[in-house]
Amino acid sequence: MMANRRGRRLMAEINVVPYIDVMLVLLIIFMVTAPLLTQGIKVELPKAGAEPLPEELMRDHKPLILSVDSGGAYYLNIGANEESAIDDATVLDRVSAVLRREPKTPILVKADQSVPYGRVVAGMVLLQRAGAEKVGFITDPAEGGGKPARKKQRAS
């Protein structure tokens, strides 16, 4: 029995093939689900040649975005379900709660270009009634502006 132990050496290697298989499966899962995780409501933004908001303001606080889709429905990027439309009273309640906690929170409006102007203004009035002092607009960059192609934001 002693000779049998000495003649046979223990194998001390780790088989990594199962780990590679698991990693490949996880990679495929993430590649499939990543496009589904895009945040926000689909809107066709108007084009404008505006300057972006200061980087330090956007870095310090996550912006609160009021989206208005082509049908005129309001959405906020806070709350339990960001993809469901909310009424005017809910906009007022949620925005005022956020601004009570963080008064420096940047407020932005992302509205579809086909929405009637009055609906966007009504949303801005709600934001002001909730305590927003400044409201910015999210737009697409203007064609041929010669500036980098990224989303621009303008405070008003």
Protein backbone atom coordinates (compact mmCIF):
# COMPACT_ATOMS: atom_id res chain seq x y z
CA MET A 1 0.00 0.00 0.00
CA MET A 2 2.86 2.35 0.74
CA ALA A 3 4.39 1.65 -2.66
CA ASN A 4 1.13 2.41 -4.38
CA ARG A 5 0.98 5.88 -2.81
CA ARG A 6 4.55 6.69 -3.75
CA GLY A 7 4.23 5.54 -7.31
CA ARG A 8 1.16 7.63 -8.02
CA ARG A 9 1.41 11.44 -7.82
CA LEU A 10 -1.49 13.65 -6.93
CA MET A 11 -2.79 15.92 -9.64
CA ALA A 12 -3.03 19.52 -8.38
CA GLU A 13 -4.44 21.32 -11.42
CA ILE A 14 -7.64 23.30 -11.69
CA ASN A 15 -9.85 22.59 -14.65
CA VAL A 16 -10.82 26.06 -15.96
CA VAL A 17 -12.95 24.91 -18.90
CA PRO A 18 -16.24 25.03 -16.90
CA TYR A 19 -15.40 28.57 -15.73
CA ILE A 20 -14.81 29.71 -19.31
CA ASP A 21 -18.15 28.20 -20.33
CA VAL A 22 -19.94 30.08 -17.56
CA MET A 23 -18.23 33.34 -18.53
CA LEU A 24 -19.25 32.93 -22.17
CA VAL A 25 -22.87 32.29 -21.17
CA LEU A 26 -22.83 35.40 -18.96
CA LEU A 27 -21.32 37.45 -21.78
CA ILE A 28 -24.09 36.37 -24.14
CA ILE A 29 -26.76 37.18 -21.53
CA PHE A 30 -25.35 40.67 -20.99
CA MET A 31 -25.03 41.31 -24.72
CA VAL A 32 -28.69 40.39 -25.22
CA THR A 33 -30.05 42.36 -22.25
CA ALA A 34 -27.93 45.54 -22.58
CA PRO A 35 -29.96 47.06 -25.44
CA LEU A 36 -33.15 46.44 -23.46
CA LEU A 37 -31.87 48.55 -20.56
CA THR A 38 -31.85 51.87 -22.41
CA GLN A 39 -33.40 54.41 -20.14
CA GLY A 40 -36.05 56.89 -21.03
CA ILE A 41 -38.92 57.54 -23.32
CA LYS A 42 -38.50 57.63 -27.10
CA VAL A 43 -38.78 61.24 -28.25
CA GLU A 44 -37.72 62.97 -31.45
CA LEU A 45 -35.65 65.85 -30.05
CA PRO A 46 -35.56 69.21 -31.81
CA LYS A 47 -32.21 70.37 -33.21
CA ALA A 48 -30.49 73.42 -31.70
CA GLY A 49 -26.97 74.83 -31.55
CA ALA A 50 -26.84 75.37 -27.79
CA GLU A 51 -23.92 75.16 -25.39
CA PRO A 52 -23.93 72.29 -22.87
CA LEU A 53 -24.55 72.82 -19.18
CA PRO A 54 -21.46 73.07 -16.95
CA GLU A 55 -19.80 69.69 -16.31
CA GLU A 56 -19.45 70.28 -12.55
CA LEU A 57 -23.20 70.80 -12.17
CA MET A 58 -23.99 67.54 -13.97
CA ARG A 59 -21.25 65.65 -12.11
CA ASP A 60 -22.38 66.70 -8.62
CA HIS A 61 -26.09 65.91 -9.04
CA LYS A 62 -28.05 63.45 -11.15
CA PRO A 63 -30.42 65.55 -13.28
CA LEU A 64 -34.17 65.18 -12.96
CA ILE A 65 -35.60 64.81 -16.48
CA LEU A 66 -39.22 65.52 -17.39
CA SER A 67 -39.93 63.77 -20.69
CA VAL A 68 -42.89 64.65 -22.90
CA ASP A 69 -43.65 62.07 -25.60
CA SER A 70 -45.32 62.74 -28.96
CA GLY A 71 -48.76 62.20 -27.38
CA GLY A 72 -48.12 64.85 -24.71
CA ALA A 73 -47.79 62.41 -21.78
CA TYR A 74 -45.35 63.23 -18.97
CA TYR A 75 -42.64 60.90 -17.65
CA LEU A 76 -40.03 61.40 -14.91
CA ASN A 77 -36.73 59.58 -14.55
CA ILE A 78 -37.51 58.93 -10.86
CA GLY A 79 -40.07 56.70 -9.22
CA ALA A 80 -40.98 53.03 -9.31
CA ASN A 81 -41.71 52.80 -13.04
CA GLU A 82 -39.96 55.41 -15.15
CA GLU A 83 -41.60 54.14 -18.34
CA SER A 84 -45.21 54.75 -17.29
CA ALA A 85 -46.96 58.05 -17.94
CA ILE A 86 -47.84 60.19 -14.93
CA ASP A 87 -50.38 62.94 -14.36
CA ASP A 88 -49.73 66.58 -13.48
CA ALA A 89 -50.23 66.10 -9.73
CA THR A 90 -47.70 63.26 -9.62
CA VAL A 91 -45.14 65.40 -11.47
CA LEU A 92 -45.66 68.18 -8.94
CA ASP A 93 -45.38 65.83 -5.94
CA ARG A 94 -42.28 63.95 -7.11
CA VAL A 95 -40.35 67.00 -8.29
CA SER A 96 -41.08 68.98 -5.12
CA ALA A 97 -39.95 66.00 -3.00
CA VAL A 98 -36.66 65.76 -4.91
CA LEU A 99 -36.04 69.51 -4.70
CA ARG A 100 -36.73 69.52 -0.95
CA ARG A 101 -34.02 66.87 -0.48
CA GLU A 102 -31.55 68.27 -3.05
CA PRO A 103 -32.30 71.90 -4.01
CA LYS A 104 -29.34 72.03 -6.44
CA THR A 105 -30.69 69.17 -8.61
CA PRO A 106 -30.58 70.18 -12.30
CA ILE A 107 -34.02 70.05 -13.94
CA LEU A 108 -34.18 69.23 -17.65
CA VAL A 109 -37.07 68.92 -20.12
CA LYS A 110 -36.85 66.38 -22.95
CA ALA A 111 -39.80 66.94 -25.27
CA ASP A 112 -40.63 65.48 -28.66
CA GLN A 113 -40.47 68.12 -31.39
CA SER A 114 -44.04 67.33 -32.49
CA VAL A 115 -45.55 68.10 -29.06
CA PRO A 116 -47.64 71.29 -28.97
CA TYR A 117 -45.74 74.16 -27.37
CA GLY A 118 -48.48 74.65 -24.79
CA ARG A 119 -47.98 71.14 -23.38
CA VAL A 120 -44.25 71.76 -22.87
CA VAL A 121 -44.97 75.12 -21.21
CA ALA A 122 -47.55 73.43 -18.94
CA GLY A 123 -44.83 70.99 -17.87
CA MET A 124 -42.43 73.85 -17.17
CA VAL A 125 -45.10 75.58 -15.06
CA LEU A 126 -45.47 72.38 -13.04
CA LEU A 127 -41.70 72.29 -12.51
CA GLN A 128 -41.68 75.92 -11.37
CA ARG A 129 -44.59 75.33 -8.99
CA ALA A 130 -42.61 72.41 -7.54
CA GLY A 131 -39.71 74.78 -6.78
CA ALA A 132 -37.44 74.59 -9.83
CA GLU A 133 -35.64 77.89 -10.37
CA LYS A 134 -33.92 76.98 -13.64
CA VAL A 135 -35.12 74.55 -16.27
CA GLY A 136 -32.95 73.30 -19.14
CA PHE A 137 -33.89 71.72 -22.45
CA ILE A 138 -32.33 68.61 -23.94
CA THR A 139 -31.86 68.94 -27.69
CA ASP A 140 -29.97 67.25 -30.50
CA PRO A 141 -27.06 69.22 -31.96
CA ALA A 142 -27.85 71.33 -35.03
CA GLU A 143 -26.81 70.00 -38.43
CA GLY A 144 -23.41 71.24 -39.65
CA GLY A 145 -22.60 73.05 -36.42
CA GLY A 146 -19.01 71.83 -36.52
CA LYS A 147 -19.20 70.81 -32.89
CA PRO A 148 -18.92 67.29 -31.46
CA ALA A 149 -21.96 65.12 -32.11
CA ARG A 150 -23.34 64.66 -28.62
CA LYS A 151 -26.52 65.64 -26.83
CA LYS A 152 -26.47 69.28 -25.83
CA GLN A 153 -28.36 70.84 -22.97
CA ARG A 154 -29.29 74.47 -22.57
CA ALA A 155 -30.45 76.19 -19.41
CA SER A 156 -33.16 78.80 -19.68
